[in-house]
Amino acid sequence: MRGYSMRDLADILGEPHSLVQKTENLERRLDIYEYVQYCKALGIDPKQGLAILESKDNP
């Protein structure tokens, strides 16, 4: 959303690059706390993010 690289996002989150990479490659899912932190780092309202995910699941 903000044009961050995976390494940039990992630095912002204070997490290893591998966590972001596995999340982006759908090898790992986020728990709710991590999801909220991810949204904050990307400048996304978590509620809007959930609405987007829900709309993708229900065409």
PDB file of N, CA and C in Angstrom:
ATOM      1  N   MET A   1       0.814  -1.198   0.000  1.00  0.00           N
ATOM      2  CA  MET A   1       0.000   0.000   0.000  1.00  0.00           C
ATOM      3  C   MET A   1       0.860   1.266   0.000  1.00  0.00           C
ATOM      4  N   ARG A   2       1.958   1.214   0.691  1.00  0.00           N
ATOM      5  CA  ARG A   2       2.818   2.388   0.804  1.00  0.00           C
ATOM      6  C   ARG A   2       4.067   2.283  -0.052  1.00  0.00           C
ATOM      7  N   GLY A   3       4.221   1.203  -0.764  1.00  0.00           N
ATOM      8  CA  GLY A   3       5.402   1.035  -1.585  1.00  0.00           C
ATOM      9  C   GLY A   3       6.619   0.546  -0.822  1.00  0.00           C
ATOM     10  N   TYR A   4       6.399  -0.015   0.364  1.00  0.00           N
ATOM     11  CA  TYR A   4       7.508  -0.536   1.151  1.00  0.00           C
ATOM     12  C   TYR A   4       7.987  -1.856   0.570  1.00  0.00           C
ATOM     13  N   SER A   5       9.282  -2.094   0.682  1.00  0.00           N
ATOM     14  CA  SER A   5       9.792  -3.426   0.387  1.00  0.00           C
ATOM     15  C   SER A   5       9.493  -4.311   1.600  1.00  0.00           C
ATOM     16  N   MET A   6       9.662  -5.606   1.427  1.00  0.00           N
ATOM     17  CA  MET A   6       9.453  -6.514   2.558  1.00  0.00           C
ATOM     18  C   MET A   6      10.441  -6.200   3.677  1.00  0.00           C
ATOM     19  N   ARG A   7      11.655  -5.835   3.309  1.00  0.00           N
ATOM     20  CA  ARG A   7      12.656  -5.488   4.332  1.00  0.00           C
ATOM     21  C   ARG A   7      12.260  -4.215   5.076  1.00  0.00           C
ATOM     22  N   ASP A   8      11.744  -3.216   4.342  1.00  0.00           N
ATOM     23  CA  ASP A   8      11.278  -1.986   4.982  1.00  0.00           C
ATOM     24  C   ASP A   8      10.175  -2.294   5.988  1.00  0.00           C
ATOM     25  N   LEU A   9       9.198  -3.087   5.551  1.00  0.00           N
ATOM     26  CA  LEU A   9       8.082  -3.428   6.424  1.00  0.00           C
ATOM     27  C   LEU A   9       8.565  -4.207   7.643  1.00  0.00           C
ATOM     28  N   ALA A  10       9.484  -5.142   7.443  1.00  0.00           N
ATOM     29  CA  ALA A  10      10.036  -5.906   8.562  1.00  0.00           C
ATOM     30  C   ALA A  10      10.709  -4.974   9.570  1.00  0.00           C
ATOM     31  N   ASP A  11      11.462  -3.992   9.072  1.00  0.00           N
ATOM     32  CA  ASP A  11      12.112  -3.018   9.963  1.00  0.00           C
ATOM     33  C   ASP A  11      11.081  -2.219  10.747  1.00  0.00           C
ATOM     34  N   ILE A  12      10.019  -1.771  10.074  1.00  0.00           N
ATOM     35  CA  ILE A  12       8.968  -0.995  10.740  1.00  0.00           C
ATOM     36  C   ILE A  12       8.293  -1.828  11.829  1.00  0.00           C
ATOM     37  N   LEU A  13       8.052  -3.093  11.515  1.00  0.00           N
ATOM     38  CA  LEU A  13       7.381  -3.986  12.468  1.00  0.00           C
ATOM     39  C   LEU A  13       8.312  -4.488  13.563  1.00  0.00           C
ATOM     40  N   GLY A  14       9.628  -4.343  13.334  1.00  0.00           N
ATOM     41  CA  GLY A  14      10.579  -4.880  14.304  1.00  0.00           C
ATOM     42  C   GLY A  14      10.612  -6.398  14.279  1.00  0.00           C
ATOM     43  N   GLU A  15      10.380  -6.962  13.103  1.00  0.00           N
ATOM     44  CA  GLU A  15      10.340  -8.407  12.929  1.00  0.00           C
ATOM     45  C   GLU A  15      11.377  -8.814  11.886  1.00  0.00           C
ATOM     46  N   PRO A  16      11.723 -10.088  11.857  1.00  0.00           N
ATOM     47  CA  PRO A  16      12.660 -10.539  10.831  1.00  0.00           C
ATOM     48  C   PRO A  16      12.023 -10.483   9.442  1.00  0.00           C
ATOM     49  N   HIS A  17      12.866 -10.277   8.447  1.00  0.00           N
ATOM     50  CA  HIS A  17      12.412 -10.238   7.062  1.00  0.00           C
ATOM     51  C   HIS A  17      11.661 -11.520   6.699  1.00  0.00           C
ATOM     52  N   SER A  18      12.100 -12.648   7.245  1.00  0.00           N
ATOM     53  CA  SER A  18      11.486 -13.940   6.918  1.00  0.00           C
ATOM     54  C   SER A  18      10.018 -13.993   7.328  1.00  0.00           C
ATOM     55  N   LEU A  19       9.651 -13.326   8.427  1.00  0.00           N
ATOM     56  CA  LEU A  19       8.250 -13.313   8.847  1.00  0.00           C
ATOM     57  C   LEU A  19       7.390 -12.615   7.799  1.00  0.00           C
ATOM     58  N   VAL A  20       7.834 -11.468   7.319  1.00  0.00           N
ATOM     59  CA  VAL A  20       7.086 -10.727   6.305  1.00  0.00           C
ATOM     60  C   VAL A  20       7.048 -11.525   5.012  1.00  0.00           C
ATOM     61  N   GLN A  21       8.161 -12.110   4.635  1.00  0.00           N
ATOM     62  CA  GLN A  21       8.223 -12.892   3.403  1.00  0.00           C
ATOM     63  C   GLN A  21       7.250 -14.067   3.454  1.00  0.00           C
ATOM     64  N   LYS A  22       7.242 -14.809   4.547  1.00  0.00           N
ATOM     65  CA  LYS A  22       6.336 -15.954   4.673  1.00  0.00           C
ATOM     66  C   LYS A  22       4.875 -15.507   4.695  1.00  0.00           C
ATOM     67  N   THR A  23       4.615 -14.360   5.307  1.00  0.00           N
ATOM     68  CA  THR A  23       3.248 -13.833   5.331  1.00  0.00           C
ATOM     69  C   THR A  23       2.817 -13.443   3.926  1.00  0.00           C
ATOM     70  N   GLU A  24       3.673 -12.738   3.219  1.00  0.00           N
ATOM     71  CA  GLU A  24       3.353 -12.298   1.860  1.00  0.00           C
ATOM     72  C   GLU A  24       3.189 -13.478   0.901  1.00  0.00           C
ATOM     73  N   ASN A  25       3.926 -14.548   1.133  1.00  0.00           N
ATOM     74  CA  ASN A  25       3.843 -15.734   0.279  1.00  0.00           C
ATOM     75  C   ASN A  25       2.763 -16.712   0.736  1.00  0.00           C
ATOM     76  N   LEU A  26       1.961 -16.299   1.722  1.00  0.00           N
ATOM     77  CA  LEU A  26       0.866 -17.106   2.276  1.00  0.00           C
ATOM     78  C   LEU A  26       1.337 -18.422   2.885  1.00  0.00           C
ATOM     79  N   GLU A  27       2.586 -18.437   3.370  1.00  0.00           N
ATOM     80  CA  GLU A  27       3.126 -19.597   4.063  1.00  0.00           C
ATOM     81  C   GLU A  27       2.855 -19.502   5.560  1.00  0.00           C
ATOM     82  N   ARG A  28       2.415 -18.336   5.992  1.00  0.00           N
ATOM     83  CA  ARG A  28       2.189 -18.061   7.410  1.00  0.00           C
ATOM     84  C   ARG A  28       1.011 -17.112   7.531  1.00  0.00           C
ATOM     85  N   ARG A  29       0.198 -17.300   8.558  1.00  0.00           N
ATOM     86  CA  ARG A  29      -0.922 -16.394   8.819  1.00  0.00           C
ATOM     87  C   ARG A  29      -0.597 -15.533  10.029  1.00  0.00           C
ATOM     88  N   LEU A  30      -1.195 -14.360  10.044  1.00  0.00           N
ATOM     89  CA  LEU A  30      -0.998 -13.439  11.151  1.00  0.00           C
ATOM     90  C   LEU A  30      -2.027 -13.690  12.244  1.00  0.00           C
ATOM     91  N   ASP A  31      -1.625 -13.557  13.501  1.00  0.00           N
ATOM     92  CA  ASP A  31      -2.629 -13.551  14.557  1.00  0.00           C
ATOM     93  C   ASP A  31      -3.225 -12.141  14.587  1.00  0.00           C
ATOM     94  N   ILE A  32      -4.228 -11.908  15.383  1.00  0.00           N
ATOM     95  CA  ILE A  32      -4.955 -10.632  15.354  1.00  0.00           C
ATOM     96  C   ILE A  32      -4.059  -9.464  15.740  1.00  0.00           C
ATOM     97  N   TYR A  33      -3.196  -9.649  16.717  1.00  0.00           N
ATOM     98  CA  TYR A  33      -2.284  -8.576  17.117  1.00  0.00           C
ATOM     99  C   TYR A  33      -1.350  -8.220  15.971  1.00  0.00           C
ATOM    100  N   GLU A  34      -0.767  -9.250  15.332  1.00  0.00           N
ATOM    101  CA  GLU A  34       0.138  -9.007  14.211  1.00  0.00           C
ATOM    102  C   GLU A  34      -0.595  -8.329  13.057  1.00  0.00           C
ATOM    103  N   TYR A  35      -1.840  -8.745  12.822  1.00  0.00           N
ATOM    104  CA  TYR A  35      -2.639  -8.141  11.752  1.00  0.00           C
ATOM    105  C   TYR A  35      -2.814  -6.639  11.993  1.00  0.00           C
ATOM    106  N   VAL A  36      -3.154  -6.268  13.205  1.00  0.00           N
ATOM    107  CA  VAL A  36      -3.346  -4.849  13.530  1.00  0.00           C
ATOM    108  C   VAL A  36      -2.032  -4.093  13.359  1.00  0.00           C
ATOM    109  N   GLN A  37      -0.916  -4.665  13.789  1.00  0.00           N
ATOM    110  CA  GLN A  37       0.383  -4.019  13.632  1.00  0.00           C
ATOM    111  C   GLN A  37       0.741  -3.859  12.153  1.00  0.00           C
ATOM    112  N   TYR A  38       0.466  -4.879  11.370  1.00  0.00           N
ATOM    113  CA  TYR A  38       0.704  -4.845   9.927  1.00  0.00           C
ATOM    114  C   TYR A  38      -0.096  -3.700   9.303  1.00  0.00           C
ATOM    115  N   CYS A  39      -1.382  -3.615   9.661  1.00  0.00           N
ATOM    116  CA  CYS A  39      -2.243  -2.550   9.122  1.00  0.00           C
ATOM    117  C   CYS A  39      -1.713  -1.173   9.495  1.00  0.00           C
ATOM    118  N   LYS A  40      -1.341  -1.000  10.748  1.00  0.00           N
ATOM    119  CA  LYS A  40      -0.812   0.294  11.185  1.00  0.00           C
ATOM    120  C   LYS A  40       0.436   0.658  10.385  1.00  0.00           C
ATOM    121  N   ALA A  41       1.319  -0.318  10.177  1.00  0.00           N
ATOM    122  CA  ALA A  41       2.558  -0.062   9.435  1.00  0.00           C
ATOM    123  C   ALA A  41       2.273   0.347   8.000  1.00  0.00           C
ATOM    124  N   LEU A  42       1.183  -0.178   7.436  1.00  0.00           N
ATOM    125  CA  LEU A  42       0.835   0.121   6.050  1.00  0.00           C
ATOM    126  C   LEU A  42      -0.141   1.289   5.917  1.00  0.00           C
ATOM    127  N   GLY A  43      -0.565   1.848   7.058  1.00  0.00           N
ATOM    128  CA  GLY A  43      -1.490   2.974   7.023  1.00  0.00           C
ATOM    129  C   GLY A  43      -2.900   2.569   6.624  1.00  0.00           C
ATOM    130  N   ILE A  44      -3.295   1.353   7.008  1.00  0.00           N
ATOM    131  CA  ILE A  44      -4.624   0.834   6.688  1.00  0.00           C
ATOM    132  C   ILE A  44      -5.417   0.694   7.983  1.00  0.00           C
ATOM    133  N   ASP A  45      -6.677   1.106   7.964  1.00  0.00           N
ATOM    134  CA  ASP A  45      -7.559   0.877   9.099  1.00  0.00           C
ATOM    135  C   ASP A  45      -7.857  -0.624   9.146  1.00  0.00           C
ATOM    136  N   PRO A  46      -7.600  -1.299  10.273  1.00  0.00           N
ATOM    137  CA  PRO A  46      -7.843  -2.744  10.339  1.00  0.00           C
ATOM    138  C   PRO A  46      -9.268  -3.141   9.953  1.00  0.00           C
ATOM    139  N   LYS A  47     -10.249  -2.327  10.293  1.00  0.00           N
ATOM    140  CA  LYS A  47     -11.637  -2.640   9.927  1.00  0.00           C
ATOM    141  C   LYS A  47     -11.810  -2.622   8.412  1.00  0.00           C
ATOM    142  N   GLN A  48     -11.204  -1.657   7.755  1.00  0.00           N
ATOM    143  CA  GLN A  48     -11.287  -1.594   6.295  1.00  0.00           C
ATOM    144  C   GLN A  48     -10.564  -2.786   5.667  1.00  0.00           C
ATOM    145  N   GLY A  49      -9.441  -3.162   6.247  1.00  0.00           N
ATOM    146  CA  GLY A  49      -8.710  -4.324   5.755  1.00  0.00           C
ATOM    147  C   GLY A  49      -9.551  -5.585   5.831  1.00  0.00           C
ATOM    148  N   LEU A  50     -10.274  -5.756   6.935  1.00  0.00           N
ATOM    149  CA  LEU A  50     -11.153  -6.921   7.080  1.00  0.00           C
ATOM    150  C   LEU A  50     -12.295  -6.872   6.068  1.00  0.00           C
ATOM    151  N   ALA A  51     -12.838  -5.679   5.837  1.00  0.00           N
ATOM    152  CA  ALA A  51     -13.913  -5.538   4.852  1.00  0.00           C
ATOM    153  C   ALA A  51     -13.428  -5.930   3.466  1.00  0.00           C
ATOM    154  N   ILE A  52     -12.195  -5.549   3.132  1.00  0.00           N
ATOM    155  CA  ILE A  52     -11.614  -5.915   1.831  1.00  0.00           C
ATOM    156  C   ILE A  52     -11.466  -7.436   1.742  1.00  0.00           C
ATOM    157  N   LEU A  53     -10.947  -8.036   2.800  1.00  0.00           N
ATOM    158  CA  LEU A  53     -10.790  -9.499   2.799  1.00  0.00           C
ATOM    159  C   LEU A  53     -12.137 -10.192   2.679  1.00  0.00           C
ATOM    160  N   GLU A  54     -13.125  -9.698   3.389  1.00  0.00           N
ATOM    161  CA  GLU A  54     -14.453 -10.302   3.343  1.00  0.00           C
ATOM    162  C   GLU A  54     -15.058 -10.186   1.949  1.00  0.00           C
ATOM    163  N   SER A  55     -14.888  -9.051   1.304  1.00  0.00           N
ATOM    164  CA  SER A  55     -15.445  -8.872  -0.035  1.00  0.00           C
ATOM    165  C   SER A  55     -14.771  -9.791  -1.049  1.00  0.00           C
ATOM    166  N   LYS A  56     -13.495 -10.112  -0.839  1.00  0.00           N
ATOM    167  CA  LYS A  56     -12.790 -11.039  -1.742  1.00  0.00           C
ATOM    168  C   LYS A  56     -13.283 -12.464  -1.560  1.00  0.00           C
ATOM    169  N   ASP A  57     -13.722 -12.800  -0.342  1.00  0.00           N
ATOM    170  CA  ASP A  57     -14.231 -14.133  -0.070  1.00  0.00           C
ATOM    171  C   ASP A  57     -15.674 -14.310  -0.541  1.00  0.00           C
ATOM    172  N   ASN A  58     -16.398 -13.208  -0.694  1.00  0.00           N
ATOM    173  CA  ASN A  58     -17.811 -13.240  -1.073  1.00  0.00           C
ATOM    174  C   ASN A  58     -18.070 -12.381  -2.303  1.00  0.00           C
ATOM    175  N   PRO A  59     -17.777 -12.925  -3.471  1.00  0.00           N
ATOM    176  CA  PRO A  59     -17.947 -12.103  -4.691  1.00  0.00           C
ATOM    177  C   PRO A  59     -19.383 -11.718  -4.964  1.00  0.00           C
TER     178      PRO A  59
END
